[in-house]
Amino acid sequence: MHYSVHPPSKFIDKYCDQLLPTWSTPVRSIVVILQPAELELTHCTPAAEHCKHRLRQRFLDIGLAIIEHLKQLGYLADGFDPKTGLPLTSQAGFMRLDDVAVVRSSLGYPAAQLGACSTLVHPLWGSAVYPSILMSSADTKLVESAVRAVAGLLECHHSLSG
């Protein structure tokens, strides 16, 4: 599992109230979490769906622990369900988060269009990657520290855009 912490994109700044309508402070950091999959996740096969389910559960386990840690420190924090695009613990707004678009914006990774869906193309893993997103009102350095404290096994990945 790889991660990186970023300031919010202009899109997140502009539409935060539609993604997280009950938040009283702005998003100050985004955590991009990428998990390698043992197979490409581009097709709707039983094996791919099982893999997505397993990776989603792993994200939920780690993501909810990071969210809880940040909340205990007095910050707003939430993740977005990769399956639905809705917040995990906050009231949902009018918009769903497109995790592929957030990764493209944050890291510059390309995406491939498959019908109505877009899939991330990782520079090493190709489309065998499962993206997920956390957001917080804490600054990026504090979030980085929280991620390491809760999930010390994560490794950092790097941007293609600089």
Protein backbone atom coordinates (compact mmCIF):
# COMPACT_ATOMS: atom_id res chain seq x y z
CA MET A 1 0.00 0.00 0.00
CA HIS A 2 1.41 3.37 -1.02
CA TYR A 3 0.32 6.85 -0.01
CA SER A 4 1.09 10.52 -0.49
CA VAL A 5 -0.24 13.66 1.19
CA HIS A 6 -1.19 16.75 -0.83
CA PRO A 7 -2.87 20.10 -0.41
CA PRO A 8 -6.39 20.11 -1.86
CA SER A 9 -6.88 20.78 -5.55
CA LYS A 10 -8.81 23.81 -6.77
CA PHE A 11 -11.72 21.45 -7.48
CA ILE A 12 -11.78 20.20 -3.86
CA ASP A 13 -11.54 23.78 -2.59
CA LYS A 14 -14.42 24.87 -4.81
CA TYR A 15 -16.74 21.91 -4.16
CA CYS A 16 -15.90 20.93 -0.58
CA ASP A 17 -19.32 22.12 0.59
CA GLN A 18 -20.97 19.75 -1.90
CA LEU A 19 -18.77 16.79 -0.92
CA LEU A 20 -18.70 17.40 2.85
CA PRO A 21 -21.56 19.81 3.62
CA THR A 22 -21.32 19.61 7.41
CA TRP A 23 -17.63 20.53 7.60
CA SER A 24 -17.10 23.90 9.27
CA THR A 25 -13.46 24.27 8.20
CA PRO A 26 -11.87 23.80 4.79
CA VAL A 27 -9.99 20.74 3.59
CA ARG A 28 -6.27 21.41 4.09
CA SER A 29 -4.91 18.01 3.06
CA ILE A 30 -5.69 15.01 0.91
CA VAL A 31 -4.23 11.55 1.32
CA VAL A 32 -4.01 9.48 -1.85
CA ILE A 33 -3.78 5.77 -1.04
CA LEU A 34 -2.92 3.34 -3.83
CA GLN A 35 -2.95 -0.42 -3.42
CA PRO A 36 -1.45 -2.78 -5.98
CA ALA A 37 -3.83 -5.48 -7.16
CA GLU A 38 -2.86 -8.94 -8.33
CA LEU A 39 -4.86 -8.44 -11.52
CA GLU A 40 -6.12 -5.61 -13.70
CA LEU A 41 -9.30 -4.08 -12.32
CA THR A 42 -10.65 -2.98 -15.69
CA HIS A 43 -13.12 -5.80 -16.28
CA CYS A 44 -16.16 -6.85 -14.30
CA THR A 45 -15.19 -10.45 -13.59
CA PRO A 46 -15.78 -12.41 -10.38
CA ALA A 47 -12.01 -12.40 -9.71
CA ALA A 48 -11.73 -8.62 -10.22
CA GLU A 49 -14.79 -7.96 -8.03
CA HIS A 50 -13.38 -10.17 -5.27
CA CYS A 51 -10.06 -8.33 -5.48
CA LYS A 52 -11.81 -4.92 -5.33
CA HIS A 53 -13.81 -6.06 -2.30
CA ARG A 54 -10.66 -7.20 -0.48
CA LEU A 55 -8.74 -4.00 -1.27
CA ARG A 56 -11.74 -1.84 -0.31
CA GLN A 57 -11.92 -3.60 3.06
CA ARG A 58 -8.21 -3.08 3.62
CA PHE A 59 -8.62 0.63 2.86
CA LEU A 60 -11.61 0.87 5.21
CA ASP A 61 -9.66 -0.77 8.04
CA ILE A 62 -6.66 1.53 7.70
CA GLY A 63 -8.54 4.62 6.55
CA LEU A 64 -11.01 4.58 9.43
CA ALA A 65 -8.13 4.22 11.91
CA ILE A 66 -6.39 7.28 10.39
CA ILE A 67 -9.66 9.23 10.41
CA GLU A 68 -10.28 8.38 14.07
CA HIS A 69 -6.71 9.37 15.01
CA LEU A 70 -7.08 12.78 13.32
CA LYS A 71 -10.48 13.33 14.96
CA GLN A 72 -8.97 12.56 18.37
CA LEU A 73 -6.43 15.31 17.67
CA GLY A 74 -9.31 17.74 17.11
CA TYR A 75 -9.38 17.85 13.31
CA LEU A 76 -12.06 17.02 10.80
CA ALA A 77 -11.20 13.95 8.77
CA ASP A 78 -12.99 11.56 6.47
CA GLY A 79 -12.45 9.14 3.65
CA PHE A 80 -14.49 8.43 0.59
CA ASP A 81 -15.82 4.98 -0.18
CA PRO A 82 -14.10 3.95 -3.43
CA LYS A 83 -17.22 1.99 -4.38
CA THR A 84 -19.72 4.85 -4.01
CA GLY A 85 -17.72 8.09 -3.86
CA LEU A 86 -19.56 9.04 -0.66
CA PRO A 87 -17.98 10.03 2.68
CA LEU A 88 -17.40 7.22 5.15
CA THR A 89 -18.34 9.05 8.36
CA SER A 90 -19.69 12.49 7.42
CA GLN A 91 -23.05 13.41 5.99
CA ALA A 92 -22.99 13.03 2.22
CA GLY A 93 -23.40 16.06 0.02
CA PHE A 94 -24.77 16.45 -3.49
CA MET A 95 -21.57 15.28 -5.18
CA ARG A 96 -19.71 12.00 -5.24
CA LEU A 97 -15.92 12.03 -5.22
CA ASP A 98 -14.18 10.68 -8.31
CA ASP A 99 -11.06 9.10 -6.79
CA VAL A 100 -9.44 8.59 -10.20
CA ALA A 101 -9.79 12.32 -10.95
CA VAL A 102 -8.25 13.20 -7.56
CA VAL A 103 -5.26 10.92 -8.23
CA ARG A 104 -4.85 12.38 -11.72
CA SER A 105 -4.92 15.89 -10.27
CA SER A 106 -2.59 15.09 -7.35
CA LEU A 107 -0.06 12.81 -9.03
CA GLY A 108 -0.48 13.32 -12.75
CA TYR A 109 -1.13 9.63 -13.41
CA PRO A 110 -3.11 8.93 -16.59
CA ALA A 111 -6.50 7.27 -16.74
CA ALA A 112 -8.13 5.04 -19.31
CA GLN A 113 -11.80 5.32 -20.19
CA LEU A 114 -13.77 2.07 -20.05
CA GLY A 115 -17.36 2.73 -21.00
CA ALA A 116 -18.82 5.07 -18.40
CA CYS A 117 -15.97 4.38 -15.98
CA SER A 118 -12.48 5.75 -15.78
CA THR A 119 -9.64 3.62 -14.45
CA LEU A 120 -6.30 4.77 -13.13
CA VAL A 121 -3.12 3.74 -14.95
CA HIS A 122 -0.21 3.51 -12.50
CA PRO A 123 3.30 3.92 -13.98
CA LEU A 124 4.42 0.54 -12.55
CA TRP A 125 1.22 -1.39 -11.85
CA GLY A 126 -0.82 -0.39 -14.90
CA SER A 127 -4.53 -0.81 -14.23
CA ALA A 128 -3.84 -3.29 -11.42
CA VAL A 129 -4.26 -0.50 -8.86
CA TYR A 130 -6.99 0.40 -6.34
CA PRO A 131 -7.15 4.13 -5.45
CA SER A 132 -8.77 5.64 -2.37
CA ILE A 133 -8.87 9.10 -0.79
CA LEU A 134 -8.86 10.62 2.70
CA MET A 135 -9.35 14.33 3.49
CA SER A 136 -8.68 16.38 6.60
CA SER A 137 -8.79 19.90 7.99
CA ALA A 138 -5.30 19.27 9.42
CA ASP A 139 -2.26 20.52 7.52
CA THR A 140 -0.24 18.15 5.35
CA LYS A 141 2.62 17.68 7.84
CA LEU A 142 0.27 16.71 10.65
CA VAL A 143 -1.63 14.32 8.38
CA GLU A 144 1.65 12.76 7.23
CA SER A 145 2.55 12.19 10.88
CA ALA A 146 -0.88 10.71 11.63
CA VAL A 147 -0.67 8.30 8.68
CA ARG A 148 2.74 7.09 9.84
CA ALA A 149 1.56 6.74 13.44
CA VAL A 150 -1.49 4.68 12.52
CA ALA A 151 -0.33 2.77 9.46
CA GLY A 152 3.45 2.70 9.65
CA LEU A 153 3.74 0.11 6.88
CA LEU A 154 2.61 2.48 4.14
CA GLU A 155 5.18 3.68 1.61
CA CYS A 156 5.21 7.00 -0.18
CA HIS A 157 4.61 7.21 -3.96
CA HIS A 158 5.67 10.07 -6.16
CA SER A 159 4.04 12.39 -8.61
CA LEU A 160 4.60 12.20 -12.35
CA SER A 161 3.90 15.91 -12.57
CA GLY A 162 6.71 17.12 -10.39
